[in-house]
N, C-alpha and C. Protein backbone atom coordinates (compact mmCIF):
# COMPACT_ATOMS: atom_id res chain seq x y z
N MET A 1 132.46 139.86 14.18
CA MET A 1 131.64 138.96 14.54
C MET A 1 131.23 137.52 13.94
N HIS A 2 131.00 136.64 14.27
CA HIS A 2 130.62 135.77 13.41
C HIS A 2 129.01 135.72 13.91
N ASP A 3 128.28 134.39 13.59
CA ASP A 3 126.88 134.37 13.69
C ASP A 3 126.69 134.04 15.02
N ALA A 4 126.22 135.04 15.67
CA ALA A 4 125.85 135.14 17.04
C ALA A 4 124.17 135.33 17.32
N ASN A 5 123.40 134.56 16.93
CA ASN A 5 122.58 135.16 17.02
C ASN A 5 121.60 134.52 17.82
N ALA A 6 121.67 135.15 19.19
CA ALA A 6 121.32 135.13 20.59
C ALA A 6 119.78 135.77 20.68
N SER A 7 119.27 134.82 21.53
CA SER A 7 117.93 135.23 21.99
C SER A 7 117.92 136.07 22.80
N ARG A 8 116.99 136.79 23.55
CA ARG A 8 116.92 137.22 24.46
C ARG A 8 116.30 136.23 25.70
N ALA A 9 117.13 136.29 27.05
CA ALA A 9 116.56 135.61 27.97
C ALA A 9 115.20 136.18 28.35
N SER A 10 114.23 135.44 28.81
CA SER A 10 112.58 135.99 29.53
C SER A 10 113.18 135.86 30.97
N LYS A 11 111.64 135.78 31.53
CA LYS A 11 111.87 135.34 32.93
C LYS A 11 111.65 134.02 33.23
N THR A 12 111.41 133.36 31.79
CA THR A 12 111.45 132.05 32.28
C THR A 12 112.58 131.28 31.69
N LEU A 13 113.81 131.83 31.43
CA LEU A 13 115.15 131.55 31.09
C LEU A 13 115.10 130.97 30.06
N VAL A 14 114.65 131.32 28.89
CA VAL A 14 114.55 130.28 27.81
C VAL A 14 116.10 130.76 27.45
N PRO A 15 116.68 129.22 27.01
CA PRO A 15 118.35 129.14 26.65
C PRO A 15 118.45 130.09 25.20
N LEU A 16 119.80 130.83 25.45
CA LEU A 16 120.14 131.38 24.55
C LEU A 16 121.28 130.61 23.75
N THR A 17 121.40 130.99 22.29
CA THR A 17 122.05 130.26 21.65
C THR A 17 122.89 130.90 20.66
N ALA A 18 124.09 130.58 20.08
CA ALA A 18 125.05 131.62 19.84
C ALA A 18 126.28 130.82 18.76
N SER A 19 127.14 130.85 17.73
CA SER A 19 128.28 130.07 17.67
C SER A 19 129.19 130.88 17.17
N ALA A 20 130.03 130.49 17.28
CA ALA A 20 131.47 130.89 16.84
C ALA A 20 132.71 130.06 16.29
N VAL A 21 133.54 130.66 15.42
CA VAL A 21 134.26 129.92 14.47
C VAL A 21 135.47 130.00 15.43
N LEU A 22 136.04 128.58 15.48
CA LEU A 22 137.60 128.29 16.27
C LEU A 22 138.55 128.79 15.52
N VAL A 23 139.51 129.69 16.00
CA VAL A 23 140.31 130.53 15.19
C VAL A 23 141.72 130.28 15.48
N ASN A 24 141.95 129.88 16.79
CA ASN A 24 143.04 129.36 17.05
C ASN A 24 143.87 128.16 16.38
N PRO A 25 145.17 128.63 15.86
CA PRO A 25 145.84 127.38 15.21
C PRO A 25 145.42 125.66 15.14
N VAL A 26 145.42 125.21 16.55
CA VAL A 26 145.08 124.07 16.87
C VAL A 26 143.91 123.42 17.68
N GLY A 27 142.86 124.23 17.39
CA GLY A 27 141.12 124.19 18.00
C GLY A 27 141.34 123.98 19.52
N LEU A 28 140.05 123.08 19.25
CA LEU A 28 140.04 123.06 20.99
C LEU A 28 140.60 121.62 21.43
N HIS A 29 141.99 122.40 21.51
CA HIS A 29 142.90 121.10 22.53
C HIS A 29 142.81 121.14 23.85
N ALA A 30 144.04 120.72 24.63
CA ALA A 30 144.04 120.53 26.51
C ALA A 30 144.15 122.20 26.67
N ARG A 31 144.52 123.05 26.18
CA ARG A 31 144.98 124.54 26.91
C ARG A 31 143.50 125.29 26.77
N PRO A 32 142.93 125.07 25.61
CA PRO A 32 141.89 126.21 25.37
C PRO A 32 140.75 125.58 25.90
N SER A 33 140.75 124.08 26.10
CA SER A 33 139.56 123.27 27.01
C SER A 33 139.43 124.15 28.37
N VAL A 34 140.36 123.82 29.04
CA VAL A 34 140.39 124.32 30.80
C VAL A 34 140.18 125.69 30.37
N LYS A 35 140.68 126.78 29.86
CA LYS A 35 139.95 127.90 29.39
C LYS A 35 138.78 127.77 29.47
N LEU A 36 138.05 127.55 28.59
CA LEU A 36 136.55 127.54 28.09
C LEU A 36 135.89 127.22 29.67
N THR A 37 136.16 126.13 30.15
CA THR A 37 135.92 125.94 31.51
C THR A 37 135.97 126.27 32.40
N GLN A 38 137.33 127.12 32.88
CA GLN A 38 137.54 128.03 33.69
C GLN A 38 136.47 128.90 33.85
N CYS A 39 136.53 129.55 32.64
CA CYS A 39 135.45 130.84 32.27
C CYS A 39 133.86 130.08 32.41
N ALA A 40 133.76 128.80 32.09
CA ALA A 40 132.18 128.76 32.20
C ALA A 40 131.79 129.00 34.06
N LYS A 41 132.68 128.31 34.18
CA LYS A 41 132.30 127.89 36.10
C LYS A 41 132.15 129.23 36.69
N ARG A 42 132.90 130.55 36.33
CA ARG A 42 132.57 131.52 36.77
C ARG A 42 130.72 132.22 36.75
N PHE A 43 130.41 131.13 35.99
CA PHE A 43 128.47 131.53 36.02
C PHE A 43 127.83 130.48 36.46
N ALA A 44 126.97 131.22 37.14
CA ALA A 44 125.49 130.23 37.63
C ALA A 44 124.70 129.28 36.14
N ALA A 45 124.93 129.81 35.31
CA ALA A 45 124.26 129.00 34.10
C ALA A 45 124.82 128.11 33.68
N ALA A 46 123.75 126.91 33.10
CA ALA A 46 123.86 125.86 32.48
C ALA A 46 124.71 126.48 31.35
N ILE A 47 125.96 125.95 31.07
CA ILE A 47 126.88 126.13 29.32
C ILE A 47 126.88 124.80 28.73
N GLU A 48 126.64 124.59 27.84
CA GLU A 48 126.85 124.00 26.67
C GLU A 48 127.31 124.36 25.56
N ILE A 49 128.39 123.21 24.72
CA ILE A 49 128.76 123.12 23.38
C ILE A 49 128.64 122.10 22.75
N ALA A 50 128.90 122.15 21.11
CA ALA A 50 128.50 121.55 20.34
C ALA A 50 129.14 121.61 18.88
N LEU A 51 129.34 120.80 18.06
CA LEU A 51 130.10 121.10 16.92
C LEU A 51 129.09 121.23 16.11
N ALA A 52 127.52 120.80 16.17
CA ALA A 52 126.34 121.16 15.29
C ALA A 52 125.35 121.57 16.38
N ALA A 53 124.64 122.43 15.59
CA ALA A 53 123.62 123.16 16.14
C ALA A 53 122.61 122.55 17.01
N ASP A 54 122.59 120.94 16.26
CA ASP A 54 121.29 120.34 17.28
C ASP A 54 122.31 119.49 17.69
N GLY A 55 123.35 119.51 18.24
CA GLY A 55 124.15 118.48 19.04
C GLY A 55 125.08 117.30 18.28
N PRO A 56 125.35 116.59 19.29
CA PRO A 56 125.26 116.49 20.47
C PRO A 56 125.80 117.57 21.71
N TRP A 57 125.20 117.92 22.73
CA TRP A 57 125.55 118.86 23.66
C TRP A 57 126.42 118.50 24.70
N THR A 58 127.65 118.87 25.03
CA THR A 58 128.51 118.75 25.98
C THR A 58 128.74 119.82 26.88
N ASN A 59 128.45 119.29 28.29
CA ASN A 59 128.62 120.38 29.72
C ASN A 59 129.80 121.12 29.43
N ALA A 60 130.15 122.10 29.32
CA ALA A 60 131.12 123.35 29.53
C ALA A 60 132.02 123.75 30.56
N LYS A 61 131.65 122.98 31.35
CA LYS A 61 131.85 123.43 32.83
C LYS A 61 133.14 122.00 32.97
N SER A 62 132.95 121.09 32.24
CA SER A 62 133.55 119.81 32.59
C SER A 62 134.85 119.94 31.80
N PRO A 63 135.96 120.01 32.18
CA PRO A 63 137.23 119.88 31.56
C PRO A 63 137.48 118.54 30.38
N VAL A 64 137.06 117.34 31.13
CA VAL A 64 137.42 116.23 30.24
C VAL A 64 136.08 115.99 29.30
N LYS A 65 135.05 116.53 29.57
CA LYS A 65 134.16 116.41 28.53
C LYS A 65 134.35 117.56 27.17
N VAL A 66 135.02 118.72 27.61
CA VAL A 66 134.78 119.72 26.35
C VAL A 66 136.54 119.35 25.01
N MET A 67 137.23 118.34 26.13
CA MET A 67 138.15 118.11 25.43
C MET A 67 138.11 116.77 24.37
N ARG A 68 137.27 116.14 24.77
CA ARG A 68 136.66 115.00 23.98
C ARG A 68 136.05 115.46 22.84
N VAL A 69 135.82 116.79 22.82
CA VAL A 69 134.90 117.44 21.56
C VAL A 69 135.92 117.55 20.55
N LYS A 70 137.01 117.75 20.87
CA LYS A 70 138.24 117.67 19.44
C LYS A 70 138.16 118.35 18.57
N ALA A 71 137.48 119.43 18.39
CA ALA A 71 137.04 120.62 17.06
C ALA A 71 138.48 121.10 16.84
N PRO A 72 138.53 121.09 15.30
CA PRO A 72 139.78 121.47 14.87
C PRO A 72 139.32 122.99 14.31
N GLN A 73 140.92 123.66 14.12
CA GLN A 73 140.91 125.31 14.07
C GLN A 73 139.64 125.10 12.62
N GLY A 74 139.24 126.36 12.60
CA GLY A 74 137.56 126.87 11.60
C GLY A 74 136.44 125.57 11.67
N ALA A 75 136.50 124.97 12.91
CA ALA A 75 135.24 124.35 12.99
C ALA A 75 134.19 125.48 13.99
N MET A 76 133.31 125.01 13.26
CA MET A 76 132.25 126.03 14.31
C MET A 76 131.86 125.14 15.65
N LEU A 77 132.14 126.37 16.53
CA LEU A 77 131.57 126.05 17.88
C LEU A 77 130.09 126.43 18.24
N TYR A 78 129.43 125.46 18.72
CA TYR A 78 127.87 126.05 18.88
C TYR A 78 127.76 126.21 20.44
N PHE A 79 127.07 127.16 20.92
CA PHE A 79 126.91 127.27 22.48
C PHE A 79 125.48 127.38 22.98
N ARG A 80 124.75 126.77 24.00
CA ARG A 80 123.60 126.23 24.59
C ARG A 80 123.55 126.95 25.86
N VAL A 81 122.92 128.50 26.55
CA VAL A 81 123.09 128.80 27.93
C VAL A 81 121.51 129.33 28.13
N ALA A 82 121.68 128.45 29.55
CA ALA A 82 120.59 128.78 30.25
C ALA A 82 120.77 129.14 31.34
N GLY A 83 120.03 130.59 31.84
CA GLY A 83 120.67 130.49 34.21
C GLY A 83 120.10 132.10 34.05
N PRO A 84 120.29 132.54 35.26
CA PRO A 84 120.24 134.09 35.51
C PRO A 84 121.36 134.70 34.93
N ASP A 85 122.28 134.54 35.09
CA ASP A 85 123.50 135.04 34.07
C ASP A 85 123.83 134.43 32.76
N GLY A 86 122.67 134.37 32.11
CA GLY A 86 123.42 133.78 30.62
C GLY A 86 123.78 134.36 29.51
N GLU A 87 123.04 135.89 29.58
CA GLU A 87 123.71 136.91 28.83
C GLU A 87 125.26 136.93 28.98
N ALA A 88 125.54 137.40 30.13
CA ALA A 88 126.65 137.57 30.54
C ALA A 88 127.93 136.27 30.01
N ALA A 89 127.40 134.96 30.63
CA ALA A 89 128.05 133.84 30.25
C ALA A 89 128.62 133.65 28.79
N LEU A 90 127.52 134.11 28.08
CA LEU A 90 127.00 133.87 26.29
C LEU A 90 128.22 134.79 25.71
N ALA A 91 128.33 135.69 26.37
CA ALA A 91 129.07 136.86 25.73
C ALA A 91 130.22 136.34 26.20
N ALA A 92 130.69 136.17 27.37
CA ALA A 92 132.11 135.55 27.89
C ALA A 92 132.81 134.39 26.81
N MET A 93 131.36 133.22 26.69
CA MET A 93 132.23 132.59 25.94
C MET A 93 132.48 132.67 24.54
N LEU A 94 131.48 133.49 24.14
CA LEU A 94 132.28 134.42 22.27
C LEU A 94 133.08 135.03 22.50
N ALA A 95 133.36 135.54 23.31
CA ALA A 95 134.58 136.64 23.65
C ALA A 95 135.59 136.07 23.74
N LEU A 96 136.10 134.60 24.46
CA LEU A 96 136.91 133.63 24.67
C LEU A 96 137.19 133.13 23.12
N VAL A 97 136.40 132.55 22.27
CA VAL A 97 136.64 132.08 21.13
C VAL A 97 137.20 132.91 19.90
N HIS A 98 136.80 133.96 20.07
CA HIS A 98 136.65 135.36 19.01
C HIS A 98 138.27 135.55 19.78
N ASP A 99 138.89 135.56 20.56
CA ASP A 99 140.14 135.86 20.89
C ASP A 99 141.13 134.80 20.70
N GLY A 100 140.50 133.79 20.20
CA GLY A 100 141.26 132.63 19.88
C GLY A 100 142.21 131.92 21.27
N PHE A 101 141.12 132.14 22.41
CA PHE A 101 141.74 131.83 23.70
C PHE A 101 142.80 132.09 23.91
N GLY A 102 143.49 133.50 23.52
CA GLY A 102 144.60 133.99 23.45
C GLY A 102 145.76 133.37 23.29
N GLU A 103 145.85 132.85 22.10
CA GLU A 103 146.79 132.00 21.16
C GLU A 103 146.86 132.49 20.16
N ALA A 104 145.69 132.88 19.29
CA ALA A 104 145.60 133.17 18.15
C ALA A 104 146.64 134.44 18.09
């Protein structure tokens, strides 16, 4: 696995963060963007993505916004998650990226 320095959520719902390298051949294009947003929408947590650790952050539940990220293969994709099911949401996002969105 790649850099997954996820911090533990406390009762105050501290945001969790992690990152993963995009391994699928064409990066974050339309099909992976839709898969990512469909996965994100399964969770109550707020989920954001970025191409840099300090943002700008994009709502991972919006297919149009995620497609605008236009991350190429090999790019580091950063995640920021906050909510009651944040740990599960972050794990699902990382698994999806590590699996190459089923394309790699």
